[in-house]
């Protein structure tokens, strides 16, 4: 598995299991936002703007559970 695919897998698996996350939640992945944007463009994730404290952030969550499960290998 390529590093790019493994980063997307890790991000998607985390959101799938724990709910909404921001790119900052993956600060150990360089440019996590680019991986999240790609998953949004594929229709797997969706995003929304929200206020966290005094910051305005973009939260990502699962948009299409079936596509997410297929990407993660949970469904055939």
PDB file of N, CA and C in Angstrom:
ATOM      1  N   UNK A   1       0.859  -1.177   0.000  1.00  0.00           N
ATOM      2  CA  UNK A   1       0.000   0.000   0.000  1.00  0.00           C
ATOM      3  C   UNK A   1       0.899   1.233   0.000  1.00  0.00           C
ATOM      4  N   UNK A   2       0.601   2.170  -0.884  1.00  0.00           N
ATOM      5  CA  UNK A   2       1.398   3.392  -0.951  1.00  0.00           C
ATOM      6  C   UNK A   2       1.162   4.243   0.296  1.00  0.00           C
ATOM      7  N   UNK A   3       2.121   5.127   0.573  1.00  0.00           N
ATOM      8  CA  UNK A   3       1.992   6.007   1.741  1.00  0.00           C
ATOM      9  C   UNK A   3       0.756   6.886   1.605  1.00  0.00           C
ATOM     10  N   UNK A   4       0.503   7.367   0.364  1.00  0.00           N
ATOM     11  CA  UNK A   4      -0.666   8.211   0.118  1.00  0.00           C
ATOM     12  C   UNK A   4      -1.942   7.454   0.451  1.00  0.00           C
ATOM     13  N   UNK A   5      -2.043   6.213  -0.022  1.00  0.00           N
ATOM     14  CA  UNK A   5      -3.236   5.415   0.247  1.00  0.00           C
ATOM     15  C   UNK A   5      -3.327   5.081   1.741  1.00  0.00           C
ATOM     16  N   UNK A   6      -2.194   4.802   2.388  1.00  0.00           N
ATOM     17  CA  UNK A   6      -2.247   4.448   3.808  1.00  0.00           C
ATOM     18  C   UNK A   6      -2.653   5.649   4.661  1.00  0.00           C
ATOM     19  N   UNK A   7      -2.255   6.875   4.276  1.00  0.00           N
ATOM     20  CA  UNK A   7      -2.705   8.065   5.005  1.00  0.00           C
ATOM     21  C   UNK A   7      -4.214   8.234   4.851  1.00  0.00           C
ATOM     22  N   UNK A   8      -4.724   8.085   3.639  1.00  0.00           N
ATOM     23  CA  UNK A   8      -6.169   8.196   3.413  1.00  0.00           C
ATOM     24  C   UNK A   8      -6.903   7.125   4.209  1.00  0.00           C
ATOM     25  N   UNK A   9      -6.368   5.909   4.190  1.00  0.00           N
ATOM     26  CA  UNK A   9      -6.984   4.806   4.922  1.00  0.00           C
ATOM     27  C   UNK A   9      -7.063   5.138   6.412  1.00  0.00           C
ATOM     28  N   UNK A  10      -5.952   5.600   6.979  1.00  0.00           N
ATOM     29  CA  UNK A  10      -5.918   5.922   8.409  1.00  0.00           C
ATOM     30  C   UNK A  10      -6.910   7.044   8.752  1.00  0.00           C
ATOM     31  N   UNK A  11      -6.931   8.081   7.935  1.00  0.00           N
ATOM     32  CA  UNK A  11      -7.853   9.202   8.164  1.00  0.00           C
ATOM     33  C   UNK A  11      -9.293   8.715   8.095  1.00  0.00           C
ATOM     34  N   UNK A  12      -9.615   7.969   7.051  1.00  0.00           N
ATOM     35  CA  UNK A  12     -10.988   7.493   6.874  1.00  0.00           C
ATOM     36  C   UNK A  12     -11.383   6.531   7.989  1.00  0.00           C
ATOM     37  N   UNK A  13     -10.492   5.629   8.351  1.00  0.00           N
ATOM     38  CA  UNK A  13     -10.798   4.677   9.413  1.00  0.00           C
ATOM     39  C   UNK A  13     -11.060   5.395  10.737  1.00  0.00           C
ATOM     40  N   UNK A  14     -10.269   6.417  11.033  1.00  0.00           N
ATOM     41  CA  UNK A  14     -10.449   7.184  12.267  1.00  0.00           C
ATOM     42  C   UNK A  14     -11.802   7.900  12.272  1.00  0.00           C
ATOM     43  N   UNK A  15     -12.142   8.546  11.164  1.00  0.00           N
ATOM     44  CA  UNK A  15     -13.427   9.245  11.076  1.00  0.00           C
ATOM     45  C   UNK A  15     -14.580   8.246  11.114  1.00  0.00           C
ATOM     46  N   UNK A  16     -14.416   7.115  10.447  1.00  0.00           N
ATOM     47  CA  UNK A  16     -15.445   6.073  10.424  1.00  0.00           C
ATOM     48  C   UNK A  16     -15.741   5.577  11.845  1.00  0.00           C
ATOM     49  N   UNK A  17     -14.699   5.400  12.638  1.00  0.00           N
ATOM     50  CA  UNK A  17     -14.860   4.835  13.982  1.00  0.00           C
ATOM     51  C   UNK A  17     -15.135   5.864  15.076  1.00  0.00           C
ATOM     52  N   UNK A  18     -14.735   7.139  14.855  1.00  0.00           N
ATOM     53  CA  UNK A  18     -14.828   8.118  15.937  1.00  0.00           C
ATOM     54  C   UNK A  18     -15.633   9.373  15.603  1.00  0.00           C
ATOM     55  N   UNK A  19     -16.123   9.497  14.378  1.00  0.00           N
ATOM     56  CA  UNK A  19     -16.936  10.654  14.025  1.00  0.00           C
ATOM     57  C   UNK A  19     -16.122  11.809  13.468  1.00  0.00           C
ATOM     58  N   UNK A  20     -16.716  12.990  13.472  1.00  0.00           N
ATOM     59  CA  UNK A  20     -16.140  14.181  12.845  1.00  0.00           C
ATOM     60  C   UNK A  20     -14.734  14.504  13.343  1.00  0.00           C
ATOM     61  N   UNK A  21     -13.883  14.887  12.394  1.00  0.00           N
ATOM     62  CA  UNK A  21     -12.509  15.286  12.700  1.00  0.00           C
ATOM     63  C   UNK A  21     -12.107  16.440  11.794  1.00  0.00           C
ATOM     64  N   UNK A  22     -11.084  17.177  12.220  1.00  0.00           N
ATOM     65  CA  UNK A  22     -10.487  18.220  11.389  1.00  0.00           C
ATOM     66  C   UNK A  22      -9.101  17.747  10.956  1.00  0.00           C
ATOM     67  N   UNK A  23      -8.516  18.430   9.985  1.00  0.00           N
ATOM     68  CA  UNK A  23      -7.164  18.085   9.548  1.00  0.00           C
ATOM     69  C   UNK A  23      -6.169  18.212  10.699  1.00  0.00           C
ATOM     70  N   UNK A  24      -6.419  19.127  11.611  1.00  0.00           N
ATOM     71  CA  UNK A  24      -5.528  19.327  12.760  1.00  0.00           C
ATOM     72  C   UNK A  24      -5.491  18.100  13.662  1.00  0.00           C
ATOM     73  N   UNK A  25      -6.556  17.319  13.674  1.00  0.00           N
ATOM     74  CA  UNK A  25      -6.567  16.090  14.468  1.00  0.00           C
ATOM     75  C   UNK A  25      -5.532  15.085  13.960  1.00  0.00           C
ATOM     76  N   UNK A  26      -5.055  15.293  12.732  1.00  0.00           N
ATOM     77  CA  UNK A  26      -4.052  14.408  12.125  1.00  0.00           C
ATOM     78  C   UNK A  26      -2.756  15.182  11.914  1.00  0.00           C
ATOM     79  N   UNK A  27      -2.330  15.937  12.929  1.00  0.00           N
ATOM     80  CA  UNK A  27      -1.151  16.799  12.785  1.00  0.00           C
ATOM     81  C   UNK A  27       0.135  16.015  12.546  1.00  0.00           C
ATOM     82  N   UNK A  28       0.123  14.719  12.755  1.00  0.00           N
ATOM     83  CA  UNK A  28       1.282  13.872  12.500  1.00  0.00           C
ATOM     84  C   UNK A  28       1.345  13.419  11.038  1.00  0.00           C
ATOM     85  N   UNK A  29       0.324  13.763  10.239  1.00  0.00           N
ATOM     86  CA  UNK A  29       0.319  13.481   8.810  1.00  0.00           C
ATOM     87  C   UNK A  29       0.511  14.802   8.085  1.00  0.00           C
ATOM     88  N   UNK A  30       1.607  14.919   7.362  1.00  0.00           N
ATOM     89  CA  UNK A  30       1.898  16.139   6.623  1.00  0.00           C
ATOM     90  C   UNK A  30       0.827  16.358   5.555  1.00  0.00           C
ATOM     91  N   UNK A  31       0.259  17.554   5.521  1.00  0.00           N
ATOM     92  CA  UNK A  31      -0.783  17.922   4.558  1.00  0.00           C
ATOM     93  C   UNK A  31      -2.010  17.013   4.625  1.00  0.00           C
ATOM     94  N   UNK A  32      -2.463  16.705   5.823  1.00  0.00           N
ATOM     95  CA  UNK A  32      -3.633  15.853   5.991  1.00  0.00           C
ATOM     96  C   UNK A  32      -4.845  16.406   5.251  1.00  0.00           C
ATOM     97  N   UNK A  33      -4.911  17.730   5.140  1.00  0.00           N
ATOM     98  CA  UNK A  33      -6.052  18.352   4.470  1.00  0.00           C
ATOM     99  C   UNK A  33      -6.179  17.897   3.019  1.00  0.00           C
ATOM    100  N   UNK A  34      -5.058  17.685   2.315  1.00  0.00           N
ATOM    101  CA  UNK A  34      -5.127  17.260   0.919  1.00  0.00           C
ATOM    102  C   UNK A  34      -5.742  15.867   0.791  1.00  0.00           C
ATOM    103  N   UNK A  35      -5.445  14.990   1.745  1.00  0.00           N
ATOM    104  CA  UNK A  35      -6.024  13.649   1.724  1.00  0.00           C
ATOM    105  C   UNK A  35      -7.517  13.711   2.024  1.00  0.00           C
ATOM    106  N   UNK A  36      -7.881  14.565   2.966  1.00  0.00           N
ATOM    107  CA  UNK A  36      -9.292  14.714   3.320  1.00  0.00           C
ATOM    108  C   UNK A  36     -10.082  15.317   2.151  1.00  0.00           C
ATOM    109  N   UNK A  37      -9.503  16.298   1.479  1.00  0.00           N
ATOM    110  CA  UNK A  37     -10.169  16.917   0.322  1.00  0.00           C
ATOM    111  C   UNK A  37     -10.401  15.897  -0.777  1.00  0.00           C
ATOM    112  N   UNK A  38      -9.435  15.021  -0.999  1.00  0.00           N
ATOM    113  CA  UNK A  38      -9.587  13.982  -2.013  1.00  0.00           C
ATOM    114  C   UNK A  38     -10.743  13.043  -1.667  1.00  0.00           C
ATOM    115  N   UNK A  39     -10.863  12.702  -0.390  1.00  0.00           N
ATOM    116  CA  UNK A  39     -11.968  11.835   0.045  1.00  0.00           C
ATOM    117  C   UNK A  39     -13.319  12.554  -0.070  1.00  0.00           C
ATOM    118  N   UNK A  40     -13.322  13.869   0.123  1.00  0.00           N
ATOM    119  CA  UNK A  40     -14.546  14.659  -0.076  1.00  0.00           C
ATOM    120  C   UNK A  40     -14.905  14.655  -1.568  1.00  0.00           C
ATOM    121  N   UNK A  41     -13.911  14.878  -2.430  1.00  0.00           N
ATOM    122  CA  UNK A  41     -14.154  14.902  -3.882  1.00  0.00           C
ATOM    123  C   UNK A  41     -14.661  13.565  -4.405  1.00  0.00           C
ATOM    124  N   UNK A  42     -14.282  12.477  -3.752  1.00  0.00           N
ATOM    125  CA  UNK A  42     -14.749  11.145  -4.143  1.00  0.00           C
ATOM    126  C   UNK A  42     -16.136  10.834  -3.573  1.00  0.00           C
ATOM    127  N   UNK A  43     -16.675  11.739  -2.763  1.00  0.00           N
ATOM    128  CA  UNK A  43     -18.006  11.557  -2.187  1.00  0.00           C
ATOM    129  C   UNK A  43     -18.031  10.676  -0.954  1.00  0.00           C
ATOM    130  N   UNK A  44     -16.862  10.316  -0.435  1.00  0.00           N
ATOM    131  CA  UNK A  44     -16.795   9.450   0.740  1.00  0.00           C
ATOM    132  C   UNK A  44     -16.996  10.260   2.015  1.00  0.00           C
ATOM    133  N   UNK A  45     -16.368  11.436   2.068  1.00  0.00           N
ATOM    134  CA  UNK A  45     -16.518  12.333   3.212  1.00  0.00           C
ATOM    135  C   UNK A  45     -17.320  13.561   2.807  1.00  0.00           C
ATOM    136  N   UNK A  46     -17.845  14.255   3.784  1.00  0.00           N
ATOM    137  CA  UNK A  46     -18.471  15.567   3.574  1.00  0.00           C
ATOM    138  C   UNK A  46     -17.848  16.513   4.581  1.00  0.00           C
ATOM    139  N   UNK A  47     -17.960  17.802   4.304  1.00  0.00           N
ATOM    140  CA  UNK A  47     -17.403  18.764   5.240  1.00  0.00           C
ATOM    141  C   UNK A  47     -18.414  19.842   5.580  1.00  0.00           C
ATOM    142  N   UNK A  48     -18.161  20.488   6.721  1.00  0.00           N
ATOM    143  CA  UNK A  48     -18.995  21.606   7.164  1.00  0.00           C
ATOM    144  C   UNK A  48     -18.139  22.512   8.034  1.00  0.00           C
ATOM    145  N   UNK A  49     -18.458  23.788   7.994  1.00  0.00           N
ATOM    146  CA  UNK A  49     -17.763  24.757   8.827  1.00  0.00           C
ATOM    147  C   UNK A  49     -18.409  24.790  10.203  1.00  0.00           C
ATOM    148  N   UNK A  50     -17.575  24.936  11.228  1.00  0.00           N
ATOM    149  CA  UNK A  50     -18.082  24.978  12.602  1.00  0.00           C
ATOM    150  C   UNK A  50     -17.159  25.848  13.454  1.00  0.00           C
ATOM    151  N   UNK A  51     -17.664  26.269  14.586  1.00  0.00           N
ATOM    152  CA  UNK A  51     -16.881  27.044  15.550  1.00  0.00           C
ATOM    153  C   UNK A  51     -16.399  26.111  16.651  1.00  0.00           C
ATOM    154  N   UNK A  52     -15.091  26.087  16.876  1.00  0.00           N
ATOM    155  CA  UNK A  52     -14.511  25.364  18.007  1.00  0.00           C
ATOM    156  C   UNK A  52     -13.767  26.391  18.841  1.00  0.00           C
ATOM    157  N   UNK A  53     -14.369  26.761  19.961  1.00  0.00           N
ATOM    158  CA  UNK A  53     -13.801  27.853  20.749  1.00  0.00           C
ATOM    159  C   UNK A  53     -13.906  29.138  19.946  1.00  0.00           C
ATOM    160  N   UNK A  54     -12.782  29.793  19.714  1.00  0.00           N
ATOM    161  CA  UNK A  54     -12.775  31.024  18.926  1.00  0.00           C
ATOM    162  C   UNK A  54     -12.372  30.775  17.474  1.00  0.00           C
ATOM    163  N   UNK A  55     -12.099  29.534  17.133  1.00  0.00           N
ATOM    164  CA  UNK A  55     -11.638  29.203  15.779  1.00  0.00           C
ATOM    165  C   UNK A  55     -12.781  28.679  14.910  1.00  0.00           C
ATOM    166  N   UNK A  56     -12.739  29.055  13.647  1.00  0.00           N
ATOM    167  CA  UNK A  56     -13.655  28.488  12.661  1.00  0.00           C
ATOM    168  C   UNK A  56     -12.904  27.374  11.953  1.00  0.00           C
ATOM    169  N   UNK A  57     -13.456  26.166  11.986  1.00  0.00           N
ATOM    170  CA  UNK A  57     -12.774  24.998  11.430  1.00  0.00           C
ATOM    171  C   UNK A  57     -13.686  24.248  10.462  1.00  0.00           C
ATOM    172  N   UNK A  58     -13.073  23.446   9.617  1.00  0.00           N
ATOM    173  CA  UNK A  58     -13.828  22.601   8.700  1.00  0.00           C
ATOM    174  C   UNK A  58     -13.811  21.180   9.261  1.00  0.00           C
ATOM    175  N   UNK A  59     -14.984  20.682   9.632  1.00  0.00           N
ATOM    176  CA  UNK A  59     -15.124  19.328  10.159  1.00  0.00           C
ATOM    177  C   UNK A  59     -15.472  18.380   9.019  1.00  0.00           C
ATOM    178  N   UNK A  60     -14.835  17.210   9.015  1.00  0.00           N
ATOM    179  CA  UNK A  60     -15.155  16.190   8.016  1.00  0.00           C
ATOM    180  C   UNK A  60     -15.832  15.016   8.706  1.00  0.00           C
ATOM    181  N   UNK A  61     -16.815  14.437   8.010  1.00  0.00           N
ATOM    182  CA  UNK A  61     -17.521  13.265   8.514  1.00  0.00           C
ATOM    183  C   UNK A  61     -17.873  12.366   7.327  1.00  0.00           C
ATOM    184  N   UNK A  62     -18.380  11.176   7.616  1.00  0.00           N
ATOM    185  CA  UNK A  62     -18.731  10.213   6.572  1.00  0.00           C
ATOM    186  C   UNK A  62     -19.949  10.722   5.800  1.00  0.00           C
ATOM    187  N   UNK A  63     -19.829  10.752   4.483  1.00  0.00           N
ATOM    188  CA  UNK A  63     -20.929  11.136   3.607  1.00  0.00           C
ATOM    189  C   UNK A  63     -21.632   9.903   3.059  1.00  0.00           C
ATOM    190  N   UNK A  64     -20.865   8.923   2.611  1.00  0.00           N
ATOM    191  CA  UNK A  64     -21.412   7.708   2.010  1.00  0.00           C
ATOM    192  C   UNK A  64     -20.783   6.507   2.718  1.00  0.00           C
ATOM    193  N   UNK A  65     -21.546   5.955   3.649  1.00  0.00           N
ATOM    194  CA  UNK A  65     -21.042   4.847   4.472  1.00  0.00           C
ATOM    195  C   UNK A  65     -20.644   3.639   3.624  1.00  0.00           C
ATOM    196  N   UNK A  66     -21.398   3.357   2.581  1.00  0.00           N
ATOM    197  CA  UNK A  66     -21.108   2.210   1.717  1.00  0.00           C
ATOM    198  C   UNK A  66     -19.767   2.391   0.989  1.00  0.00           C
ATOM    199  N   UNK A  67     -19.524   3.590   0.440  1.00  0.00           N
ATOM    200  CA  UNK A  67     -18.238   3.873  -0.219  1.00  0.00           C
ATOM    201  C   UNK A  67     -17.090   3.798   0.781  1.00  0.00           C
ATOM    202  N   UNK A  68     -17.330   4.308   1.979  1.00  0.00           N
ATOM    203  CA  UNK A  68     -16.291   4.278   3.019  1.00  0.00           C
ATOM    204  C   UNK A  68     -15.940   2.833   3.372  1.00  0.00           C
ATOM    205  N   UNK A  69     -16.937   1.999   3.545  1.00  0.00           N
ATOM    206  CA  UNK A  69     -16.705   0.598   3.885  1.00  0.00           C
ATOM    207  C   UNK A  69     -15.959  -0.110   2.761  1.00  0.00           C
ATOM    208  N   UNK A  70     -16.297   0.196   1.527  1.00  0.00           N
ATOM    209  CA  UNK A  70     -15.619  -0.419   0.386  1.00  0.00           C
ATOM    210  C   UNK A  70     -14.154   0.024   0.354  1.00  0.00           C
ATOM    211  N   UNK A  71     -13.883   1.306   0.553  1.00  0.00           N
ATOM    212  CA  UNK A  71     -12.511   1.836   0.552  1.00  0.00           C
ATOM    213  C   UNK A  71     -11.692   1.174   1.660  1.00  0.00           C
ATOM    214  N   UNK A  72     -12.312   0.986   2.818  1.00  0.00           N
ATOM    215  CA  UNK A  72     -11.614   0.386   3.972  1.00  0.00           C
ATOM    216  C   UNK A  72     -11.498  -1.130   3.863  1.00  0.00           C
ATOM    217  N   UNK A  73     -12.216  -1.719   2.912  1.00  0.00           N
ATOM    218  CA  UNK A  73     -12.174  -3.169   2.757  1.00  0.00           C
ATOM    219  C   UNK A  73     -13.109  -3.894   3.696  1.00  0.00           C
ATOM    220  N   UNK A  74     -14.078  -3.182   4.271  1.00  0.00           N
ATOM    221  CA  UNK A  74     -15.039  -3.785   5.177  1.00  0.00           C
ATOM    222  C   UNK A  74     -16.184  -4.457   4.440  1.00  0.00           C
ATOM    223  N   UNK A  75     -16.354  -4.139   3.161  1.00  0.00           N
ATOM    224  CA  UNK A  75     -17.442  -4.715   2.366  1.00  0.00           C
ATOM    225  C   UNK A  75     -16.876  -5.175   1.026  1.00  0.00           C
ATOM    226  N   UNK A  76     -17.468  -6.184   0.473  1.00  0.00           N
ATOM    227  CA  UNK A  76     -16.995  -6.696  -0.834  1.00  0.00           C
ATOM    228  C   UNK A  76     -17.606  -5.976  -1.977  1.00  0.00           C
TER     229      UNK A  76
END
